[in-house]
Amino acid sequence: MTAEDAELCIQHGADGIVISNHGGRDEETLRSTIECLPEVAAVTRGRIPVLLDGGIRRGTEIFKALALGATAVGIGRPQAWGLAAFGQQGVEAVHDILTRELQTIMRQAGTPTIAAITGNHVVARAAASTFAR
């Protein structure tokens, strides 16, 4: 979840990094995984894959994660919901929906390939304070 952790992973020979807050169960009051991604990607600089887990519900969120430096994303709950509702066909439907949504945003952004998605396609927002002032 931090640049320091990413650097330690690289120093110790990790084959890749998964940015995860365990589905929000363990770290629900801390930064989201998408907020941690740019910091981790800046340290890894493509030397090892960076996977993002958590909060991916739409193709646009896959696009944002790729633009911010993720190599790939993990999809957990949507597949589980599809499985619970319609079995294998539900899982396949979730995959198809996410793929179509990703393809649509890629067309809208003018990115014909995954490799063409860059940080220039997203605008970073200032971190919101957790406490009211």
N, C-alpha and C. Protein backbone atom coordinates (compact mmCIF):
# COMPACT_ATOMS: atom_id res chain seq x y z
N MET A 1 0.81 -1.20 0.00
CA MET A 1 0.00 0.00 0.00
C MET A 1 0.86 1.27 0.00
N THR A 2 2.20 1.13 0.15
CA THR A 2 3.05 2.32 0.21
C THR A 2 4.27 2.17 -0.69
N ALA A 3 4.89 3.30 -1.00
CA ALA A 3 6.13 3.30 -1.78
C ALA A 3 7.22 2.53 -1.04
N GLU A 4 7.28 2.69 0.27
CA GLU A 4 8.30 2.00 1.06
C GLU A 4 8.14 0.48 0.96
N ASP A 5 6.91 0.01 1.05
CA ASP A 5 6.67 -1.43 0.91
C ASP A 5 7.06 -1.92 -0.48
N ALA A 6 6.73 -1.14 -1.50
CA ALA A 6 7.07 -1.52 -2.87
C ALA A 6 8.58 -1.61 -3.04
N GLU A 7 9.31 -0.66 -2.49
CA GLU A 7 10.77 -0.69 -2.60
C GLU A 7 11.33 -1.92 -1.90
N LEU A 8 10.79 -2.25 -0.73
CA LEU A 8 11.25 -3.45 -0.03
C LEU A 8 10.96 -4.71 -0.85
N CYS A 9 9.81 -4.76 -1.50
CA CYS A 9 9.48 -5.91 -2.35
C CYS A 9 10.52 -6.08 -3.45
N ILE A 10 10.88 -4.98 -4.08
CA ILE A 10 11.87 -5.04 -5.16
C ILE A 10 13.23 -5.46 -4.61
N GLN A 11 13.64 -4.87 -3.50
CA GLN A 11 14.93 -5.20 -2.89
C GLN A 11 15.03 -6.68 -2.53
N HIS A 12 13.91 -7.28 -2.16
CA HIS A 12 13.91 -8.68 -1.74
C HIS A 12 13.54 -9.64 -2.86
N GLY A 13 13.49 -9.13 -4.09
CA GLY A 13 13.32 -10.01 -5.25
C GLY A 13 11.90 -10.46 -5.54
N ALA A 14 10.91 -9.71 -5.13
CA ALA A 14 9.52 -10.10 -5.42
C ALA A 14 9.30 -10.13 -6.93
N ASP A 15 8.50 -11.07 -7.36
CA ASP A 15 8.17 -11.19 -8.79
C ASP A 15 7.06 -10.23 -9.20
N GLY A 16 6.35 -9.68 -8.24
CA GLY A 16 5.27 -8.75 -8.52
C GLY A 16 4.69 -8.24 -7.21
N ILE A 17 3.79 -7.26 -7.34
CA ILE A 17 3.16 -6.67 -6.16
C ILE A 17 1.65 -6.66 -6.39
N VAL A 18 0.91 -7.00 -5.34
CA VAL A 18 -0.54 -6.86 -5.37
C VAL A 18 -0.91 -5.79 -4.35
N ILE A 19 -1.48 -4.70 -4.84
CA ILE A 19 -1.97 -3.65 -3.94
C ILE A 19 -3.36 -4.06 -3.52
N SER A 20 -3.53 -4.35 -2.22
CA SER A 20 -4.80 -4.86 -1.74
C SER A 20 -5.05 -4.39 -0.32
N ASN A 21 -6.29 -4.07 -0.02
CA ASN A 21 -6.67 -3.78 1.37
C ASN A 21 -7.62 -4.87 1.86
N HIS A 22 -7.49 -6.03 1.26
CA HIS A 22 -8.26 -7.20 1.66
C HIS A 22 -9.76 -6.96 1.60
N GLY A 23 -10.20 -6.35 0.52
CA GLY A 23 -11.62 -6.09 0.33
C GLY A 23 -12.19 -5.09 1.31
N GLY A 24 -11.34 -4.27 1.91
CA GLY A 24 -11.80 -3.28 2.87
C GLY A 24 -12.05 -3.86 4.26
N ARG A 25 -11.92 -5.16 4.41
CA ARG A 25 -12.20 -5.77 5.71
C ARG A 25 -11.18 -5.37 6.77
N ASP A 26 -9.91 -5.30 6.39
CA ASP A 26 -8.86 -5.05 7.36
C ASP A 26 -8.45 -3.59 7.45
N GLU A 27 -8.60 -2.88 6.35
CA GLU A 27 -8.11 -1.50 6.32
C GLU A 27 -9.16 -0.56 5.77
N GLU A 28 -10.39 -0.71 6.21
CA GLU A 28 -11.49 0.04 5.62
C GLU A 28 -11.45 1.54 5.88
N THR A 29 -10.66 1.99 6.83
CA THR A 29 -10.61 3.42 7.09
C THR A 29 -9.35 4.07 6.52
N LEU A 30 -8.53 3.31 5.84
CA LEU A 30 -7.31 3.85 5.24
C LEU A 30 -7.55 4.19 3.77
N ARG A 31 -6.49 4.53 3.07
CA ARG A 31 -6.61 4.88 1.65
C ARG A 31 -7.11 3.68 0.85
N SER A 32 -7.84 3.99 -0.20
CA SER A 32 -8.27 2.92 -1.11
C SER A 32 -7.07 2.46 -1.92
N THR A 33 -7.18 1.31 -2.52
CA THR A 33 -6.07 0.78 -3.31
C THR A 33 -5.76 1.67 -4.51
N ILE A 34 -6.78 2.24 -5.14
CA ILE A 34 -6.55 3.11 -6.31
C ILE A 34 -5.78 4.37 -5.89
N GLU A 35 -5.97 4.82 -4.65
CA GLU A 35 -5.22 5.98 -4.16
C GLU A 35 -3.75 5.64 -3.90
N CYS A 36 -3.46 4.39 -3.60
CA CYS A 36 -2.09 3.95 -3.34
C CYS A 36 -1.33 3.63 -4.63
N LEU A 37 -2.06 3.33 -5.67
CA LEU A 37 -1.45 2.86 -6.92
C LEU A 37 -0.39 3.78 -7.51
N PRO A 38 -0.64 5.08 -7.69
CA PRO A 38 0.39 5.93 -8.32
C PRO A 38 1.72 5.93 -7.57
N GLU A 39 1.65 5.92 -6.25
CA GLU A 39 2.86 5.91 -5.43
C GLU A 39 3.66 4.63 -5.62
N VAL A 40 2.97 3.50 -5.64
CA VAL A 40 3.64 2.21 -5.83
C VAL A 40 4.18 2.09 -7.25
N ALA A 41 3.40 2.50 -8.23
CA ALA A 41 3.84 2.43 -9.63
C ALA A 41 5.05 3.31 -9.88
N ALA A 42 5.12 4.46 -9.19
CA ALA A 42 6.27 5.35 -9.36
C ALA A 42 7.56 4.69 -8.87
N VAL A 43 7.46 3.88 -7.84
CA VAL A 43 8.64 3.19 -7.31
C VAL A 43 9.03 2.00 -8.19
N THR A 44 8.06 1.24 -8.64
CA THR A 44 8.37 0.03 -9.41
C THR A 44 8.85 0.34 -10.82
N ARG A 45 8.35 1.44 -11.41
CA ARG A 45 8.76 1.88 -12.74
C ARG A 45 8.81 0.75 -13.76
N GLY A 46 7.83 -0.14 -13.71
CA GLY A 46 7.74 -1.21 -14.70
C GLY A 46 8.71 -2.36 -14.49
N ARG A 47 9.47 -2.34 -13.41
CA ARG A 47 10.44 -3.43 -13.17
C ARG A 47 9.77 -4.74 -12.81
N ILE A 48 8.64 -4.65 -12.13
CA ILE A 48 7.85 -5.84 -11.79
C ILE A 48 6.38 -5.50 -11.99
N PRO A 49 5.55 -6.50 -12.25
CA PRO A 49 4.12 -6.24 -12.41
C PRO A 49 3.48 -5.72 -11.12
N VAL A 50 2.52 -4.82 -11.30
CA VAL A 50 1.75 -4.28 -10.18
C VAL A 50 0.29 -4.59 -10.44
N LEU A 51 -0.30 -5.41 -9.59
CA LEU A 51 -1.71 -5.76 -9.71
C LEU A 51 -2.50 -4.98 -8.67
N LEU A 52 -3.69 -4.57 -9.04
CA LEU A 52 -4.55 -3.82 -8.13
C LEU A 52 -5.76 -4.68 -7.80
N ASP A 53 -6.07 -4.77 -6.52
CA ASP A 53 -7.20 -5.55 -6.05
C ASP A 53 -8.08 -4.63 -5.23
N GLY A 54 -9.36 -4.65 -5.50
CA GLY A 54 -10.29 -3.90 -4.66
C GLY A 54 -10.97 -2.77 -5.38
N GLY A 55 -12.28 -2.78 -5.33
CA GLY A 55 -13.06 -1.67 -5.84
C GLY A 55 -13.32 -1.66 -7.32
N ILE A 56 -12.91 -2.67 -8.03
CA ILE A 56 -13.14 -2.71 -9.48
C ILE A 56 -14.54 -3.25 -9.72
N ARG A 57 -15.41 -2.36 -10.20
CA ARG A 57 -16.80 -2.74 -10.46
C ARG A 57 -17.23 -2.42 -11.89
N ARG A 58 -16.43 -1.60 -12.61
CA ARG A 58 -16.79 -1.18 -13.97
C ARG A 58 -15.55 -1.19 -14.85
N GLY A 59 -15.79 -1.23 -16.15
CA GLY A 59 -14.69 -1.15 -17.10
C GLY A 59 -13.92 0.15 -17.00
N THR A 60 -14.62 1.23 -16.64
CA THR A 60 -13.94 2.52 -16.48
C THR A 60 -12.94 2.48 -15.32
N GLU A 61 -13.23 1.68 -14.31
CA GLU A 61 -12.30 1.56 -13.19
C GLU A 61 -11.08 0.74 -13.58
N ILE A 62 -11.26 -0.23 -14.45
CA ILE A 62 -10.11 -0.96 -15.00
C ILE A 62 -9.22 0.02 -15.77
N PHE A 63 -9.85 0.84 -16.60
CA PHE A 63 -9.12 1.84 -17.39
C PHE A 63 -8.31 2.76 -16.48
N LYS A 64 -8.94 3.27 -15.43
CA LYS A 64 -8.26 4.19 -14.50
C LYS A 64 -7.07 3.50 -13.85
N ALA A 65 -7.25 2.26 -13.42
CA ALA A 65 -6.16 1.53 -12.77
C ALA A 65 -4.99 1.33 -13.74
N LEU A 66 -5.28 0.97 -14.98
CA LEU A 66 -4.22 0.81 -15.97
C LEU A 66 -3.52 2.14 -16.23
N ALA A 67 -4.29 3.22 -16.31
CA ALA A 67 -3.72 4.55 -16.56
C ALA A 67 -2.82 4.99 -15.41
N LEU A 68 -3.14 4.58 -14.20
CA LEU A 68 -2.37 4.98 -13.03
C LEU A 68 -1.19 4.06 -12.74
N GLY A 69 -0.99 3.04 -13.58
CA GLY A 69 0.20 2.22 -13.45
C GLY A 69 0.02 0.76 -13.14
N ALA A 70 -1.21 0.29 -13.01
CA ALA A 70 -1.42 -1.14 -12.77
C ALA A 70 -1.11 -1.94 -14.03
N THR A 71 -0.54 -3.10 -13.85
CA THR A 71 -0.31 -4.03 -14.95
C THR A 71 -1.59 -4.81 -15.24
N ALA A 72 -2.34 -5.09 -14.18
CA ALA A 72 -3.59 -5.83 -14.28
C ALA A 72 -4.42 -5.55 -13.02
N VAL A 73 -5.67 -5.96 -13.05
CA VAL A 73 -6.54 -5.79 -11.88
C VAL A 73 -7.14 -7.13 -11.48
N GLY A 74 -7.49 -7.23 -10.21
CA GLY A 74 -8.21 -8.38 -9.71
C GLY A 74 -9.68 -8.04 -9.60
N ILE A 75 -10.51 -8.95 -10.03
CA ILE A 75 -11.96 -8.77 -9.97
C ILE A 75 -12.49 -9.85 -9.03
N GLY A 76 -13.04 -9.46 -7.92
CA GLY A 76 -13.50 -10.46 -6.96
C GLY A 76 -15.00 -10.47 -6.80
N ARG A 77 -15.53 -9.46 -6.16
CA ARG A 77 -16.95 -9.48 -5.83
C ARG A 77 -17.88 -9.55 -7.03
N PRO A 78 -17.65 -8.79 -8.10
CA PRO A 78 -18.57 -8.90 -9.24
C PRO A 78 -18.69 -10.34 -9.76
N GLN A 79 -17.57 -11.04 -9.81
CA GLN A 79 -17.64 -12.44 -10.26
C GLN A 79 -18.41 -13.29 -9.26
N ALA A 80 -18.21 -13.03 -7.99
CA ALA A 80 -18.93 -13.79 -6.96
C ALA A 80 -20.43 -13.52 -7.05
N TRP A 81 -20.79 -12.25 -7.31
CA TRP A 81 -22.21 -11.93 -7.47
C TRP A 81 -22.79 -12.64 -8.69
N GLY A 82 -22.05 -12.63 -9.79
CA GLY A 82 -22.50 -13.32 -10.99
C GLY A 82 -22.67 -14.81 -10.75
N LEU A 83 -21.72 -15.40 -10.05
CA LEU A 83 -21.77 -16.82 -9.74
C LEU A 83 -22.98 -17.14 -8.86
N ALA A 84 -23.19 -16.32 -7.84
CA ALA A 84 -24.30 -16.56 -6.92
C ALA A 84 -25.64 -16.43 -7.63
N ALA A 85 -25.73 -15.51 -8.56
CA ALA A 85 -27.01 -15.26 -9.23
C ALA A 85 -27.29 -16.25 -10.35
N PHE A 86 -26.27 -16.55 -11.17
CA PHE A 86 -26.52 -17.33 -12.39
C PHE A 86 -25.48 -18.39 -12.69
N GLY A 87 -24.66 -18.74 -11.71
CA GLY A 87 -23.66 -19.78 -11.92
C GLY A 87 -22.60 -19.34 -12.91
N GLN A 88 -22.06 -20.30 -13.65
CA GLN A 88 -21.01 -20.01 -14.62
C GLN A 88 -21.43 -18.94 -15.62
N GLN A 89 -22.68 -18.99 -16.08
CA GLN A 89 -23.16 -17.99 -17.03
C GLN A 89 -23.10 -16.58 -16.43
N GLY A 90 -23.34 -16.48 -15.13
CA GLY A 90 -23.26 -15.18 -14.46
C GLY A 90 -21.84 -14.65 -14.42
N VAL A 91 -20.87 -15.53 -14.16
CA VAL A 91 -19.46 -15.13 -14.16
C VAL A 91 -19.06 -14.68 -15.56
N GLU A 92 -19.48 -15.44 -16.58
CA GLU A 92 -19.16 -15.07 -17.96
C GLU A 92 -19.81 -13.74 -18.34
N ALA A 93 -21.03 -13.51 -17.85
CA ALA A 93 -21.72 -12.25 -18.15
C ALA A 93 -20.97 -11.07 -17.52
N VAL A 94 -20.51 -11.23 -16.29
CA VAL A 94 -19.74 -10.18 -15.62
C VAL A 94 -18.48 -9.87 -16.43
N HIS A 95 -17.78 -10.90 -16.86
CA HIS A 95 -16.57 -10.72 -17.66
C HIS A 95 -16.90 -9.97 -18.96
N ASP A 96 -17.97 -10.37 -19.62
CA ASP A 96 -18.36 -9.72 -20.88
C ASP A 96 -18.72 -8.25 -20.66
N ILE A 97 -19.44 -7.96 -19.59
CA ILE A 97 -19.83 -6.57 -19.29
C ILE A 97 -18.59 -5.72 -19.05
N LEU A 98 -17.67 -6.20 -18.22
CA LEU A 98 -16.46 -5.44 -17.93
C LEU A 98 -15.62 -5.24 -19.19
N THR A 99 -15.54 -6.27 -20.02
CA THR A 99 -14.78 -6.16 -21.27
C THR A 99 -15.39 -5.12 -22.19
N ARG A 100 -16.71 -5.15 -22.35
CA ARG A 100 -17.39 -4.16 -23.21
C ARG A 100 -17.21 -2.74 -22.67
N GLU A 101 -17.34 -2.59 -21.35
CA GLU A 101 -17.17 -1.26 -20.76
C GLU A 101 -15.75 -0.75 -20.95
N LEU A 102 -14.77 -1.63 -20.78
CA LEU A 102 -13.37 -1.23 -20.98
C LEU A 102 -13.15 -0.84 -22.44
N GLN A 103 -13.65 -1.63 -23.36
CA GLN A 103 -13.50 -1.32 -24.78
C GLN A 103 -14.16 0.02 -25.13
N THR A 104 -15.30 0.29 -24.54
CA THR A 104 -16.00 1.55 -24.81
C THR A 104 -15.18 2.74 -24.34
N ILE A 105 -14.67 2.69 -23.11
CA ILE A 105 -13.89 3.83 -22.61
C ILE A 105 -12.58 3.96 -23.37
N MET A 106 -12.02 2.85 -23.80
CA MET A 106 -10.79 2.93 -24.60
C MET A 106 -11.06 3.65 -25.93
N ARG A 107 -12.19 3.36 -26.55
CA ARG A 107 -12.54 4.06 -27.79
C ARG A 107 -12.76 5.55 -27.53
N GLN A 108 -13.47 5.86 -26.46
CA GLN A 108 -13.75 7.25 -26.13
C GLN A 108 -12.46 8.03 -25.84
N ALA A 109 -11.49 7.36 -25.25
CA ALA A 109 -10.22 8.01 -24.89
C ALA A 109 -9.21 7.98 -26.04
N GLY A 110 -9.55 7.29 -27.12
CA GLY A 110 -8.62 7.21 -28.25
C GLY A 110 -7.43 6.31 -27.98
N THR A 111 -7.66 5.25 -27.21
CA THR A 111 -6.58 4.31 -26.90
C THR A 111 -6.91 2.96 -27.53
N PRO A 112 -6.32 2.67 -28.69
CA PRO A 112 -6.65 1.43 -29.40
C PRO A 112 -6.11 0.16 -28.74
N THR A 113 -5.13 0.31 -27.85
CA THR A 113 -4.55 -0.85 -27.17
C THR A 113 -4.40 -0.55 -25.68
N ILE A 114 -4.25 -1.59 -24.90
CA ILE A 114 -4.00 -1.42 -23.47
C ILE A 114 -2.72 -0.62 -23.26
N ALA A 115 -1.70 -0.89 -24.06
CA ALA A 115 -0.42 -0.19 -23.93
C ALA A 115 -0.55 1.31 -24.18
N ALA A 116 -1.57 1.72 -24.90
CA ALA A 116 -1.77 3.14 -25.21
C ALA A 116 -2.39 3.91 -24.05
N ILE A 117 -2.86 3.21 -23.03
CA ILE A 117 -3.47 3.87 -21.86
C ILE A 117 -2.34 4.39 -20.97
N THR A 118 -2.34 5.69 -20.72
CA THR A 118 -1.30 6.30 -19.89
C THR A 118 -1.91 7.20 -18.83
N GLY A 119 -1.07 7.69 -17.97
CA GLY A 119 -1.50 8.61 -16.92
C GLY A 119 -2.10 9.90 -17.46
N ASN A 120 -1.81 10.22 -18.72
CA ASN A 120 -2.39 11.42 -19.32
C ASN A 120 -3.90 11.30 -19.52
N HIS A 121 -4.44 10.11 -19.38
CA HIS A 121 -5.86 9.89 -19.60
C HIS A 121 -6.71 10.05 -18.34
N VAL A 122 -6.08 10.35 -17.22
CA VAL A 122 -6.82 10.56 -15.98
C VAL A 122 -6.34 11.84 -15.32
N VAL A 123 -7.19 12.42 -14.51
CA VAL A 123 -6.84 13.62 -13.74
C VAL A 123 -6.85 13.23 -12.28
N ALA A 124 -5.73 13.46 -11.63
CA ALA A 124 -5.65 13.14 -10.20
C ALA A 124 -6.43 14.16 -9.40
N ARG A 125 -7.08 13.70 -8.36
CA ARG A 125 -7.79 14.62 -7.49
C ARG A 125 -7.05 14.72 -6.17
N ALA A 126 -7.24 15.81 -5.49
CA ALA A 126 -6.61 15.99 -4.19
C ALA A 126 -7.20 15.00 -3.20
N ALA A 127 -6.38 14.50 -2.32
CA ALA A 127 -6.85 13.56 -1.31
C ALA A 127 -7.86 14.26 -0.39
N ALA A 128 -8.97 13.61 -0.16
CA ALA A 128 -10.01 14.18 0.70
C ALA A 128 -9.67 13.92 2.16
N SER A 129 -9.94 14.87 2.99
CA SER A 129 -9.71 14.70 4.41
C SER A 129 -10.79 13.79 4.99
N THR A 130 -10.39 12.93 5.91
CA THR A 130 -11.34 12.02 6.55
C THR A 130 -12.14 12.72 7.63
N PHE A 131 -11.59 13.79 8.15
CA PHE A 131 -12.23 14.48 9.27
C PHE A 131 -12.78 15.84 8.83
N ALA A 132 -13.96 16.15 9.32
CA ALA A 132 -14.53 17.47 9.03
C ALA A 132 -13.76 18.53 9.82
N ARG A 133 -13.62 19.68 9.24
CA ARG A 133 -12.88 20.75 9.94
C ARG A 133 -13.82 21.74 10.54
